[in-house]
N, C-alpha and C. Protein backbone atom coordinates (compact mmCIF):
# COMPACT_ATOMS: atom_id res chain seq x y z
N MET A 1 -251.39 64.82 -43.34
CA MET A 1 -250.39 65.84 -43.22
C MET A 1 -250.61 66.88 -44.32
N ILE A 2 -250.43 68.15 -43.93
CA ILE A 2 -250.64 69.26 -44.87
C ILE A 2 -249.41 70.16 -44.85
N ILE A 3 -248.99 70.58 -46.02
CA ILE A 3 -247.91 71.58 -46.15
C ILE A 3 -248.47 72.70 -47.01
N PHE A 4 -248.40 73.94 -46.49
CA PHE A 4 -248.84 75.08 -47.30
C PHE A 4 -247.80 76.17 -47.26
N GLY A 5 -247.71 76.93 -48.36
CA GLY A 5 -246.71 77.99 -48.40
C GLY A 5 -246.91 78.93 -49.55
N GLY A 6 -246.21 80.04 -49.45
CA GLY A 6 -246.28 81.06 -50.48
C GLY A 6 -246.87 82.33 -49.94
N GLY A 7 -247.11 83.27 -50.83
CA GLY A 7 -247.63 84.56 -50.43
C GLY A 7 -248.99 84.84 -51.02
N TRP A 8 -249.40 86.09 -50.91
CA TRP A 8 -250.71 86.56 -51.36
C TRP A 8 -250.77 86.75 -52.87
N GLY A 9 -249.62 86.89 -53.51
CA GLY A 9 -249.54 87.08 -54.96
C GLY A 9 -248.13 86.79 -55.40
N PRO A 10 -247.83 86.88 -56.70
CA PRO A 10 -246.48 86.56 -57.18
C PRO A 10 -245.37 87.31 -56.45
N GLU A 11 -245.62 88.59 -56.08
CA GLU A 11 -244.58 89.35 -55.39
C GLU A 11 -244.34 88.85 -53.97
N GLY A 12 -245.18 87.97 -53.48
CA GLY A 12 -244.98 87.38 -52.16
C GLY A 12 -244.53 85.93 -52.21
N ASN A 13 -244.23 85.44 -53.41
CA ASN A 13 -243.79 84.04 -53.59
C ASN A 13 -242.31 84.01 -53.88
N GLN A 14 -241.50 84.03 -52.86
CA GLN A 14 -240.07 84.00 -53.05
C GLN A 14 -239.58 82.56 -53.27
N ARG A 15 -238.51 82.44 -54.03
CA ARG A 15 -237.93 81.12 -54.29
C ARG A 15 -237.62 80.39 -52.98
N SER A 16 -237.19 81.14 -51.95
CA SER A 16 -236.85 80.51 -50.67
C SER A 16 -238.06 79.79 -50.07
N LEU A 17 -239.25 80.33 -50.23
CA LEU A 17 -240.45 79.67 -49.71
C LEU A 17 -240.72 78.38 -50.48
N GLU A 18 -240.53 78.43 -51.79
CA GLU A 18 -240.72 77.22 -52.60
C GLU A 18 -239.72 76.14 -52.18
N VAL A 19 -238.48 76.54 -51.93
CA VAL A 19 -237.45 75.57 -51.50
C VAL A 19 -237.85 74.93 -50.17
N GLN A 20 -238.39 75.74 -49.25
CA GLN A 20 -238.82 75.20 -47.95
C GLN A 20 -239.97 74.21 -48.11
N VAL A 21 -240.95 74.56 -48.94
CA VAL A 21 -242.08 73.66 -49.18
C VAL A 21 -241.59 72.37 -49.83
N SER A 22 -240.68 72.48 -50.80
CA SER A 22 -240.13 71.29 -51.46
C SER A 22 -239.39 70.39 -50.47
N ALA A 23 -238.59 71.01 -49.60
CA ALA A 23 -237.82 70.23 -48.62
C ALA A 23 -238.76 69.51 -47.66
N LEU A 24 -239.79 70.18 -47.20
CA LEU A 24 -240.77 69.53 -46.31
C LEU A 24 -241.47 68.39 -47.03
N ARG A 25 -241.90 68.65 -48.27
CA ARG A 25 -242.57 67.60 -49.05
C ARG A 25 -241.68 66.38 -49.21
N ASP A 26 -240.40 66.60 -49.53
CA ASP A 26 -239.48 65.48 -49.71
C ASP A 26 -239.23 64.74 -48.40
N ALA A 27 -239.05 65.49 -47.32
CA ALA A 27 -238.77 64.86 -46.01
C ALA A 27 -239.98 64.07 -45.50
N LEU A 28 -241.17 64.51 -45.85
CA LEU A 28 -242.39 63.89 -45.34
C LEU A 28 -243.11 63.07 -46.40
N SER A 29 -242.41 62.72 -47.48
CA SER A 29 -243.04 62.07 -48.64
C SER A 29 -243.72 60.75 -48.29
N LYS A 30 -243.22 60.02 -47.30
CA LYS A 30 -243.84 58.74 -46.94
C LYS A 30 -245.25 58.93 -46.37
N SER A 31 -245.55 60.13 -45.88
CA SER A 31 -246.88 60.44 -45.35
C SER A 31 -247.83 60.94 -46.43
N ASP A 32 -247.34 61.08 -47.67
CA ASP A 32 -248.13 61.58 -48.79
C ASP A 32 -248.89 62.86 -48.40
N PRO A 33 -248.16 63.93 -48.08
CA PRO A 33 -248.81 65.15 -47.62
C PRO A 33 -249.60 65.87 -48.72
N ILE A 34 -250.62 66.58 -48.30
CA ILE A 34 -251.34 67.48 -49.20
C ILE A 34 -250.46 68.73 -49.28
N VAL A 35 -250.06 69.12 -50.49
CA VAL A 35 -249.20 70.29 -50.68
C VAL A 35 -249.99 71.39 -51.38
N LEU A 36 -250.07 72.54 -50.72
CA LEU A 36 -250.71 73.72 -51.28
C LEU A 36 -249.64 74.80 -51.40
N PHE A 37 -249.48 75.37 -52.59
CA PHE A 37 -248.43 76.37 -52.76
C PHE A 37 -248.91 77.52 -53.63
N ALA A 38 -248.68 78.72 -53.16
CA ALA A 38 -248.93 79.95 -53.90
C ALA A 38 -250.30 79.90 -54.58
N GLY A 39 -250.35 80.21 -55.87
CA GLY A 39 -251.60 80.22 -56.61
C GLY A 39 -251.97 78.88 -57.20
N GLY A 40 -251.25 77.83 -56.83
CA GLY A 40 -251.54 76.50 -57.36
C GLY A 40 -250.75 76.22 -58.63
N GLU A 41 -251.31 75.39 -59.48
CA GLU A 41 -250.63 75.01 -60.72
C GLU A 41 -250.29 76.24 -61.55
N GLY A 42 -249.08 76.30 -62.05
CA GLY A 42 -248.64 77.42 -62.86
C GLY A 42 -248.18 78.62 -62.05
N ALA A 43 -247.97 78.44 -60.75
CA ALA A 43 -247.55 79.54 -59.88
C ALA A 43 -246.21 80.10 -60.33
N LYS A 44 -246.03 81.37 -60.10
CA LYS A 44 -244.77 82.05 -60.38
C LYS A 44 -244.06 82.35 -59.07
N VAL A 45 -242.74 82.25 -59.07
CA VAL A 45 -241.95 82.59 -57.89
C VAL A 45 -240.93 83.66 -58.24
N GLN A 46 -240.59 84.43 -57.23
CA GLN A 46 -239.68 85.56 -57.36
C GLN A 46 -238.27 85.12 -56.98
N HIS A 47 -237.29 85.55 -57.75
CA HIS A 47 -235.90 85.25 -57.41
C HIS A 47 -235.01 86.38 -57.91
N LEU A 48 -233.80 86.42 -57.40
CA LEU A 48 -232.84 87.42 -57.83
C LEU A 48 -232.08 86.90 -59.03
N ASP A 49 -231.99 87.74 -60.05
CA ASP A 49 -231.21 87.40 -61.23
C ASP A 49 -229.82 87.99 -61.02
N PRO A 50 -228.78 87.16 -60.99
CA PRO A 50 -227.43 87.68 -60.74
C PRO A 50 -226.90 88.58 -61.86
N GLU A 51 -227.51 88.49 -63.04
CA GLU A 51 -227.05 89.29 -64.17
C GLU A 51 -227.68 90.68 -64.12
N GLU A 52 -226.85 91.71 -64.00
CA GLU A 52 -227.36 93.08 -63.96
C GLU A 52 -227.67 93.55 -65.36
N ARG A 53 -228.83 94.17 -65.52
CA ARG A 53 -229.25 94.67 -66.83
C ARG A 53 -229.27 96.20 -66.80
N GLU A 54 -228.75 96.78 -67.86
CA GLU A 54 -228.67 98.25 -67.96
C GLU A 54 -230.06 98.89 -67.85
N ALA A 55 -231.05 98.33 -68.54
CA ALA A 55 -232.41 98.90 -68.51
C ALA A 55 -232.98 98.88 -67.10
N ASP A 56 -232.73 97.80 -66.34
CA ASP A 56 -233.22 97.72 -64.96
C ASP A 56 -232.62 98.83 -64.11
N ARG A 57 -231.33 99.06 -64.29
CA ARG A 57 -230.65 100.09 -63.50
C ARG A 57 -231.27 101.46 -63.77
N TRP A 58 -231.51 101.77 -65.03
CA TRP A 58 -232.10 103.06 -65.39
C TRP A 58 -233.53 103.18 -64.87
N LEU A 59 -234.32 102.13 -65.02
CA LEU A 59 -235.70 102.18 -64.52
C LEU A 59 -235.72 102.35 -63.00
N GLY A 60 -234.80 101.70 -62.31
CA GLY A 60 -234.70 101.86 -60.86
C GLY A 60 -234.40 103.29 -60.46
N LEU A 61 -233.51 103.93 -61.22
CA LEU A 61 -233.19 105.33 -60.96
C LEU A 61 -234.36 106.26 -61.27
N ILE A 62 -235.00 106.04 -62.41
CA ILE A 62 -236.11 106.89 -62.83
C ILE A 62 -237.28 106.81 -61.85
N PHE A 63 -237.64 105.59 -61.45
CA PHE A 63 -238.81 105.40 -60.59
C PHE A 63 -238.45 105.33 -59.11
N ASP A 64 -237.19 105.61 -58.78
CA ASP A 64 -236.73 105.59 -57.39
C ASP A 64 -237.07 104.27 -56.70
N ARG A 65 -236.84 103.16 -57.40
CA ARG A 65 -237.11 101.83 -56.86
C ARG A 65 -235.91 100.90 -57.06
N PRO A 66 -234.74 101.27 -56.58
CA PRO A 66 -233.59 100.39 -56.78
C PRO A 66 -233.71 99.06 -56.04
N ASP A 67 -234.62 98.98 -55.04
CA ASP A 67 -234.80 97.74 -54.30
C ASP A 67 -235.40 96.63 -55.15
N SER A 68 -236.00 96.96 -56.27
CA SER A 68 -236.63 95.96 -57.13
C SER A 68 -235.75 95.53 -58.29
N LEU A 69 -234.51 96.01 -58.31
CA LEU A 69 -233.62 95.66 -59.41
C LEU A 69 -233.24 94.18 -59.35
N GLY A 70 -233.17 93.58 -60.50
CA GLY A 70 -232.71 92.21 -60.59
C GLY A 70 -233.71 91.16 -60.15
N ILE A 71 -234.94 91.54 -59.91
CA ILE A 71 -235.96 90.56 -59.51
C ILE A 71 -236.60 90.00 -60.77
N ARG A 72 -236.68 88.69 -60.83
CA ARG A 72 -237.29 88.00 -61.95
C ARG A 72 -238.36 87.05 -61.43
N TYR A 73 -239.27 86.67 -62.31
CA TYR A 73 -240.30 85.69 -61.98
C TYR A 73 -240.16 84.51 -62.92
N GLU A 74 -240.30 83.33 -62.35
CA GLU A 74 -240.29 82.13 -63.19
C GLU A 74 -241.27 81.12 -62.61
N SER A 75 -241.59 80.12 -63.38
CA SER A 75 -242.55 79.11 -62.94
C SER A 75 -242.01 78.34 -61.74
N ALA A 76 -242.92 78.03 -60.84
CA ALA A 76 -242.55 77.22 -59.67
C ALA A 76 -242.16 75.83 -60.15
N ARG A 77 -241.27 75.21 -59.41
CA ARG A 77 -240.77 73.88 -59.78
C ARG A 77 -241.55 72.76 -59.12
N ILE A 78 -242.42 73.10 -58.19
CA ILE A 78 -243.20 72.05 -57.53
C ILE A 78 -244.60 72.02 -58.12
N ALA A 79 -245.22 70.86 -58.05
CA ALA A 79 -246.59 70.70 -58.53
C ALA A 79 -247.50 70.52 -57.32
N PRO A 80 -248.11 71.60 -56.84
CA PRO A 80 -248.96 71.49 -55.67
C PRO A 80 -250.32 70.90 -56.01
N ARG A 81 -251.03 70.49 -54.98
CA ARG A 81 -252.40 69.99 -55.17
C ARG A 81 -253.37 71.14 -55.42
N GLY A 82 -252.98 72.33 -54.98
CA GLY A 82 -253.83 73.50 -55.18
C GLY A 82 -253.17 74.74 -54.63
N ALA A 83 -253.90 75.83 -54.67
CA ALA A 83 -253.40 77.10 -54.17
C ALA A 83 -253.35 77.10 -52.64
N ALA A 84 -252.44 77.89 -52.09
CA ALA A 84 -252.37 78.05 -50.63
C ALA A 84 -253.30 79.20 -50.25
N SER A 85 -254.57 79.04 -50.57
CA SER A 85 -255.57 80.05 -50.26
C SER A 85 -256.30 79.65 -48.98
N ARG A 86 -257.02 80.57 -48.42
CA ARG A 86 -257.81 80.31 -47.22
C ARG A 86 -258.78 79.15 -47.47
N THR A 87 -259.50 79.22 -48.58
CA THR A 87 -260.50 78.20 -48.90
C THR A 87 -259.87 76.82 -49.03
N LYS A 88 -258.77 76.74 -49.78
CA LYS A 88 -258.12 75.44 -50.01
C LYS A 88 -257.48 74.90 -48.73
N LEU A 89 -256.87 75.78 -47.92
CA LEU A 89 -256.25 75.33 -46.67
C LEU A 89 -257.31 74.79 -45.71
N LEU A 90 -258.39 75.52 -45.53
CA LEU A 90 -259.45 75.04 -44.61
C LEU A 90 -260.09 73.76 -45.14
N ALA A 91 -260.25 73.65 -46.46
CA ALA A 91 -260.80 72.41 -47.04
C ALA A 91 -259.86 71.24 -46.83
N ALA A 92 -258.55 71.47 -46.96
CA ALA A 92 -257.57 70.40 -46.72
C ALA A 92 -257.60 69.96 -45.26
N ILE A 93 -257.73 70.91 -44.35
CA ILE A 93 -257.84 70.57 -42.92
C ILE A 93 -259.12 69.76 -42.69
N ASP A 94 -260.22 70.20 -43.28
CA ASP A 94 -261.49 69.47 -43.15
C ASP A 94 -261.33 68.02 -43.62
N GLU A 95 -260.71 67.86 -44.78
CA GLU A 95 -260.52 66.52 -45.37
C GLU A 95 -259.65 65.64 -44.46
N ALA A 96 -258.58 66.20 -43.95
CA ALA A 96 -257.67 65.42 -43.11
C ALA A 96 -258.34 65.05 -41.78
N VAL A 97 -259.07 65.97 -41.19
CA VAL A 97 -259.76 65.70 -39.92
C VAL A 97 -260.83 64.62 -40.13
N ALA A 98 -261.53 64.67 -41.26
CA ALA A 98 -262.57 63.67 -41.55
C ALA A 98 -262.00 62.27 -41.66
N ARG A 99 -260.74 62.16 -42.09
CA ARG A 99 -260.09 60.84 -42.19
C ARG A 99 -259.74 60.29 -40.81
N GLY A 100 -259.72 61.14 -39.79
CA GLY A 100 -259.40 60.70 -38.43
C GLY A 100 -257.91 60.64 -38.22
N GLY A 101 -257.53 60.42 -36.99
CA GLY A 101 -256.12 60.34 -36.64
C GLY A 101 -255.51 61.70 -36.42
N PRO A 102 -254.31 61.73 -35.84
CA PRO A 102 -253.63 63.00 -35.59
C PRO A 102 -253.27 63.69 -36.90
N LEU A 103 -253.12 65.01 -36.83
CA LEU A 103 -252.84 65.80 -38.03
C LEU A 103 -251.70 66.78 -37.73
N ALA A 104 -250.77 66.89 -38.67
CA ALA A 104 -249.71 67.90 -38.60
C ALA A 104 -249.87 68.82 -39.81
N VAL A 105 -249.82 70.14 -39.55
CA VAL A 105 -249.96 71.14 -40.60
C VAL A 105 -248.71 72.02 -40.57
N PHE A 106 -247.97 72.04 -41.67
CA PHE A 106 -246.73 72.82 -41.77
C PHE A 106 -246.99 74.02 -42.68
N GLY A 107 -246.60 75.21 -42.24
CA GLY A 107 -246.81 76.41 -43.04
C GLY A 107 -245.56 77.26 -43.15
N VAL A 108 -245.27 77.74 -44.35
CA VAL A 108 -244.20 78.72 -44.59
C VAL A 108 -244.78 79.80 -45.49
N GLY A 109 -244.39 81.01 -45.26
CA GLY A 109 -244.92 82.10 -46.06
C GLY A 109 -244.83 83.41 -45.31
N HIS A 110 -245.91 84.16 -45.34
CA HIS A 110 -245.92 85.49 -44.74
C HIS A 110 -247.02 85.59 -43.70
N GLY A 111 -246.78 86.43 -42.73
CA GLY A 111 -247.77 86.70 -41.70
C GLY A 111 -247.69 88.16 -41.30
N SER A 112 -248.78 88.67 -40.78
CA SER A 112 -248.78 90.06 -40.34
C SER A 112 -248.87 90.14 -38.83
N ARG A 113 -248.35 91.21 -38.32
CA ARG A 113 -248.24 91.46 -36.89
C ARG A 113 -249.61 91.70 -36.25
N PRO A 114 -249.79 91.19 -35.03
CA PRO A 114 -251.03 91.53 -34.31
C PRO A 114 -250.97 93.01 -33.89
N ALA A 115 -252.09 93.68 -33.97
CA ALA A 115 -252.18 95.08 -33.55
C ALA A 115 -253.24 95.19 -32.47
N ASP A 116 -253.39 96.37 -31.88
CA ASP A 116 -254.35 96.56 -30.81
C ASP A 116 -255.76 96.13 -31.19
N ASP A 117 -256.17 96.46 -32.40
CA ASP A 117 -257.53 96.16 -32.82
C ASP A 117 -257.62 95.05 -33.87
N ALA A 118 -256.52 94.37 -34.13
CA ALA A 118 -256.53 93.32 -35.15
C ALA A 118 -255.63 92.16 -34.73
N SER A 119 -255.99 90.98 -35.17
CA SER A 119 -255.23 89.78 -34.86
C SER A 119 -254.08 89.60 -35.84
N ALA A 120 -253.14 88.78 -35.45
CA ALA A 120 -252.11 88.35 -36.39
C ALA A 120 -252.79 87.54 -37.49
N LEU A 121 -252.20 87.59 -38.68
CA LEU A 121 -252.80 86.89 -39.82
C LEU A 121 -251.79 86.03 -40.54
N LEU A 122 -252.24 84.89 -41.04
CA LEU A 122 -251.49 84.13 -42.03
C LEU A 122 -251.92 84.71 -43.37
N GLU A 123 -250.98 85.28 -44.11
CA GLU A 123 -251.31 85.88 -45.40
C GLU A 123 -251.30 84.79 -46.46
N LEU A 124 -252.47 84.47 -46.96
CA LEU A 124 -252.64 83.38 -47.91
C LEU A 124 -252.92 83.93 -49.31
N TRP A 125 -252.89 83.05 -50.31
CA TRP A 125 -253.04 83.46 -51.70
C TRP A 125 -254.36 84.18 -51.92
N GLY A 126 -254.28 85.32 -52.60
CA GLY A 126 -255.49 86.06 -52.95
C GLY A 126 -255.54 87.42 -52.28
N PRO A 127 -256.70 88.06 -52.35
CA PRO A 127 -256.85 89.40 -51.77
C PRO A 127 -256.74 89.36 -50.25
N PRO A 128 -256.59 90.52 -49.60
CA PRO A 128 -256.44 90.56 -48.15
C PRO A 128 -257.52 89.79 -47.38
N ALA A 129 -258.71 89.69 -47.93
CA ALA A 129 -259.79 88.96 -47.25
C ALA A 129 -259.46 87.46 -47.12
N GLU A 130 -258.51 86.97 -47.89
CA GLU A 130 -258.12 85.55 -47.81
C GLU A 130 -257.20 85.26 -46.62
N ALA A 131 -256.70 86.29 -45.95
CA ALA A 131 -255.84 86.08 -44.78
C ALA A 131 -256.64 85.36 -43.69
N LEU A 132 -255.95 84.67 -42.81
CA LEU A 132 -256.60 83.85 -41.78
C LEU A 132 -256.06 84.22 -40.41
N SER A 133 -256.95 84.59 -39.50
CA SER A 133 -256.53 84.97 -38.14
C SER A 133 -256.53 83.75 -37.22
N ALA A 134 -255.86 83.88 -36.09
CA ALA A 134 -255.83 82.80 -35.09
C ALA A 134 -257.24 82.48 -34.61
N GLU A 135 -258.04 83.51 -34.37
CA GLU A 135 -259.41 83.28 -33.88
C GLU A 135 -260.24 82.52 -34.91
N GLU A 136 -260.12 82.92 -36.19
CA GLU A 136 -260.88 82.23 -37.24
C GLU A 136 -260.45 80.78 -37.37
N LEU A 137 -259.14 80.54 -37.29
CA LEU A 137 -258.64 79.16 -37.39
C LEU A 137 -259.11 78.34 -36.19
N ALA A 138 -259.02 78.89 -34.99
CA ALA A 138 -259.46 78.17 -33.79
C ALA A 138 -260.94 77.83 -33.87
N THR A 139 -261.76 78.80 -34.29
CA THR A 139 -263.21 78.57 -34.39
C THR A 139 -263.51 77.51 -35.45
N HIS A 140 -262.78 77.54 -36.57
CA HIS A 140 -262.98 76.53 -37.61
C HIS A 140 -262.66 75.13 -37.05
N LEU A 141 -261.56 75.04 -36.33
CA LEU A 141 -261.17 73.75 -35.74
C LEU A 141 -262.20 73.29 -34.70
N ASP A 142 -262.71 74.23 -33.90
CA ASP A 142 -263.75 73.89 -32.92
C ASP A 142 -264.97 73.29 -33.61
N ASP A 143 -265.40 73.92 -34.70
CA ASP A 143 -266.59 73.47 -35.42
C ASP A 143 -266.40 72.09 -36.04
N LEU A 144 -265.15 71.76 -36.39
CA LEU A 144 -264.88 70.44 -36.98
C LEU A 144 -264.99 69.31 -35.97
N LYS A 145 -264.78 69.62 -34.71
CA LYS A 145 -264.80 68.62 -33.63
C LYS A 145 -263.88 67.43 -33.95
N PRO A 146 -262.59 67.69 -34.15
CA PRO A 146 -261.67 66.59 -34.47
C PRO A 146 -261.62 65.56 -33.34
N LYS A 147 -261.29 64.34 -33.70
CA LYS A 147 -261.21 63.25 -32.73
C LYS A 147 -259.78 62.99 -32.26
N ALA A 148 -258.81 63.69 -32.85
CA ALA A 148 -257.40 63.45 -32.54
C ALA A 148 -256.66 64.79 -32.47
N PRO A 149 -255.48 64.80 -31.85
CA PRO A 149 -254.71 66.04 -31.73
C PRO A 149 -254.28 66.60 -33.09
N ILE A 150 -254.08 67.92 -33.10
CA ILE A 150 -253.61 68.62 -34.30
C ILE A 150 -252.41 69.48 -33.91
N ALA A 151 -251.32 69.38 -34.69
CA ALA A 151 -250.12 70.19 -34.46
C ALA A 151 -249.90 71.11 -35.66
N PHE A 152 -249.60 72.36 -35.37
CA PHE A 152 -249.25 73.33 -36.41
C PHE A 152 -247.79 73.71 -36.23
N VAL A 153 -247.02 73.66 -37.31
CA VAL A 153 -245.63 74.10 -37.32
C VAL A 153 -245.57 75.25 -38.32
N LEU A 154 -245.41 76.48 -37.79
CA LEU A 154 -245.55 77.67 -38.61
C LEU A 154 -244.25 78.46 -38.68
N GLY A 155 -243.84 78.81 -39.89
CA GLY A 155 -242.61 79.57 -40.08
C GLY A 155 -242.84 80.99 -40.55
N GLN A 156 -244.07 81.48 -40.52
CA GLN A 156 -244.39 82.83 -40.98
C GLN A 156 -243.93 83.89 -39.98
N CYS A 157 -243.75 85.12 -40.46
CA CYS A 157 -243.52 86.24 -39.56
C CYS A 157 -244.68 86.30 -38.57
N HIS A 158 -244.37 86.63 -37.33
CA HIS A 158 -245.37 86.81 -36.28
C HIS A 158 -246.16 85.54 -35.96
N SER A 159 -245.65 84.37 -36.38
CA SER A 159 -246.39 83.12 -36.19
C SER A 159 -246.60 82.76 -34.73
N GLY A 160 -245.79 83.32 -33.84
CA GLY A 160 -245.98 83.04 -32.42
C GLY A 160 -247.34 83.47 -31.90
N ALA A 161 -248.01 84.40 -32.59
CA ALA A 161 -249.35 84.83 -32.18
C ALA A 161 -250.38 83.72 -32.34
N PHE A 162 -250.05 82.68 -33.11
CA PHE A 162 -251.00 81.60 -33.33
C PHE A 162 -251.01 80.58 -32.19
N TRP A 163 -250.23 80.80 -31.13
CA TRP A 163 -250.28 79.91 -29.97
C TRP A 163 -251.69 79.86 -29.39
N ARG A 164 -252.47 80.90 -29.65
CA ARG A 164 -253.81 80.98 -29.08
C ARG A 164 -254.77 79.93 -29.62
N ILE A 165 -254.43 79.28 -30.74
CA ILE A 165 -255.35 78.27 -31.27
C ILE A 165 -255.37 77.01 -30.41
N VAL A 166 -254.52 76.94 -29.41
CA VAL A 166 -254.59 75.79 -28.49
C VAL A 166 -255.84 75.87 -27.63
N PHE A 167 -256.51 77.01 -27.63
CA PHE A 167 -257.74 77.20 -26.86
C PHE A 167 -258.95 77.22 -27.78
N GLU A 168 -260.09 76.79 -27.27
CA GLU A 168 -261.34 76.87 -28.02
C GLU A 168 -261.62 78.33 -28.34
N GLY A 169 -261.88 78.62 -29.60
CA GLY A 169 -262.16 79.99 -30.02
C GLY A 169 -261.01 80.95 -29.78
N ALA A 170 -259.82 80.43 -29.52
CA ALA A 170 -258.62 81.23 -29.21
C ALA A 170 -258.85 82.07 -27.94
N LYS A 171 -259.65 81.54 -27.00
CA LYS A 171 -259.99 82.29 -25.78
C LYS A 171 -259.21 81.76 -24.58
N THR A 172 -259.85 80.97 -23.67
CA THR A 172 -259.17 80.53 -22.45
C THR A 172 -259.30 79.05 -22.14
N GLU A 173 -260.27 78.37 -22.71
CA GLU A 173 -260.46 76.94 -22.43
C GLU A 173 -259.64 76.09 -23.39
N PRO A 174 -258.79 75.22 -22.88
CA PRO A 174 -257.99 74.37 -23.77
C PRO A 174 -258.88 73.51 -24.68
N ALA A 175 -258.48 73.40 -25.92
CA ALA A 175 -259.21 72.58 -26.88
C ALA A 175 -259.02 71.11 -26.54
N VAL A 176 -260.05 70.31 -26.79
CA VAL A 176 -260.00 68.87 -26.60
C VAL A 176 -260.52 68.24 -27.88
N PRO A 177 -259.73 67.33 -28.50
CA PRO A 177 -258.37 66.95 -28.15
C PRO A 177 -257.40 68.11 -28.32
N ALA A 178 -256.21 67.88 -27.82
CA ALA A 178 -255.21 68.95 -27.76
C ALA A 178 -254.80 69.44 -29.14
N ARG A 179 -254.49 70.74 -29.18
CA ARG A 179 -253.88 71.36 -30.37
C ARG A 179 -252.60 72.03 -29.88
N CYS A 180 -251.55 71.95 -30.69
CA CYS A 180 -250.31 72.63 -30.31
C CYS A 180 -249.78 73.42 -31.49
N VAL A 181 -248.96 74.41 -31.16
CA VAL A 181 -248.35 75.27 -32.19
C VAL A 181 -246.86 75.38 -31.91
N LEU A 182 -246.07 75.07 -32.89
CA LEU A 182 -244.63 75.29 -32.84
C LEU A 182 -244.36 76.42 -33.83
N ALA A 183 -244.00 77.59 -33.32
CA ALA A 183 -243.84 78.77 -34.15
C ALA A 183 -242.37 79.14 -34.27
N ALA A 184 -242.01 79.65 -35.44
CA ALA A 184 -240.62 80.01 -35.70
C ALA A 184 -240.19 81.28 -34.99
N ILE A 185 -241.15 82.11 -34.63
CA ILE A 185 -240.80 83.45 -34.18
C ILE A 185 -241.88 83.98 -33.23
N PRO A 186 -241.53 84.81 -32.25
CA PRO A 186 -242.55 85.39 -31.36
C PRO A 186 -243.52 86.30 -32.11
N PRO A 187 -244.67 86.60 -31.50
CA PRO A 187 -245.69 87.41 -32.18
C PRO A 187 -245.20 88.76 -32.69
N GLU A 188 -244.27 89.36 -31.99
CA GLU A 188 -243.85 90.72 -32.36
C GLU A 188 -242.68 90.76 -33.35
N ARG A 189 -242.18 89.60 -33.80
CA ARG A 189 -240.99 89.60 -34.65
C ARG A 189 -241.27 89.07 -36.04
N GLU A 190 -240.42 89.50 -36.97
CA GLU A 190 -240.46 89.00 -38.34
C GLU A 190 -239.52 87.81 -38.49
N ALA A 191 -239.83 86.92 -39.38
CA ALA A 191 -238.97 85.77 -39.67
C ALA A 191 -238.09 86.11 -40.88
N ALA A 192 -237.19 85.23 -41.22
CA ALA A 192 -236.34 85.43 -42.39
C ALA A 192 -237.02 84.82 -43.62
N GLY A 193 -236.57 85.20 -44.81
CA GLY A 193 -237.06 84.57 -46.03
C GLY A 193 -238.12 85.36 -46.77
N CYS A 194 -238.30 86.62 -46.44
CA CYS A 194 -239.34 87.43 -47.09
C CYS A 194 -238.83 88.22 -48.29
N THR A 195 -237.63 87.97 -48.71
CA THR A 195 -237.07 88.68 -49.85
C THR A 195 -236.60 87.67 -50.89
N PRO A 196 -236.44 88.12 -52.14
CA PRO A 196 -236.01 87.18 -53.18
C PRO A 196 -234.59 86.70 -52.94
């Protein structure tokens, strides 16, 4: 079992995502899940500070950024096995598939909308090149040739676009063994939890 979450950088790591990853880890603790979060050990998370500061108010006015007022960063409270990066996520999937048996992968974080010339993406830790498309994930799973079914439970914005990984190469032939996707939201919609 794998749980991954967080954003592409500290500004994408909201406390709400950490809480979701923690809750999943606790609920699934008997399965000893691999937990990947944000930038890994020492990750910072964003939260709202209820205490209003005079300097913040003035800086918000000066730089015309009142939406960033009261945002603070603090150390994450969970100890992940590693960063929720493309490399670490695919390596964790490889490791779990090599052990055999069915696999469940839970994801919370951010995703981008599919466009005419681009696929929906899971936005993972690191630069934009670290994002993962449905086609790339499907092809990676095809190359692994798993012996058991794989289920993805995704809570990212636009996660419904990942239904395509049930097919080989995200095309038209169903993958064998079966892969399924339970998505929080349709491809064209945003999910909740993207703010501090």
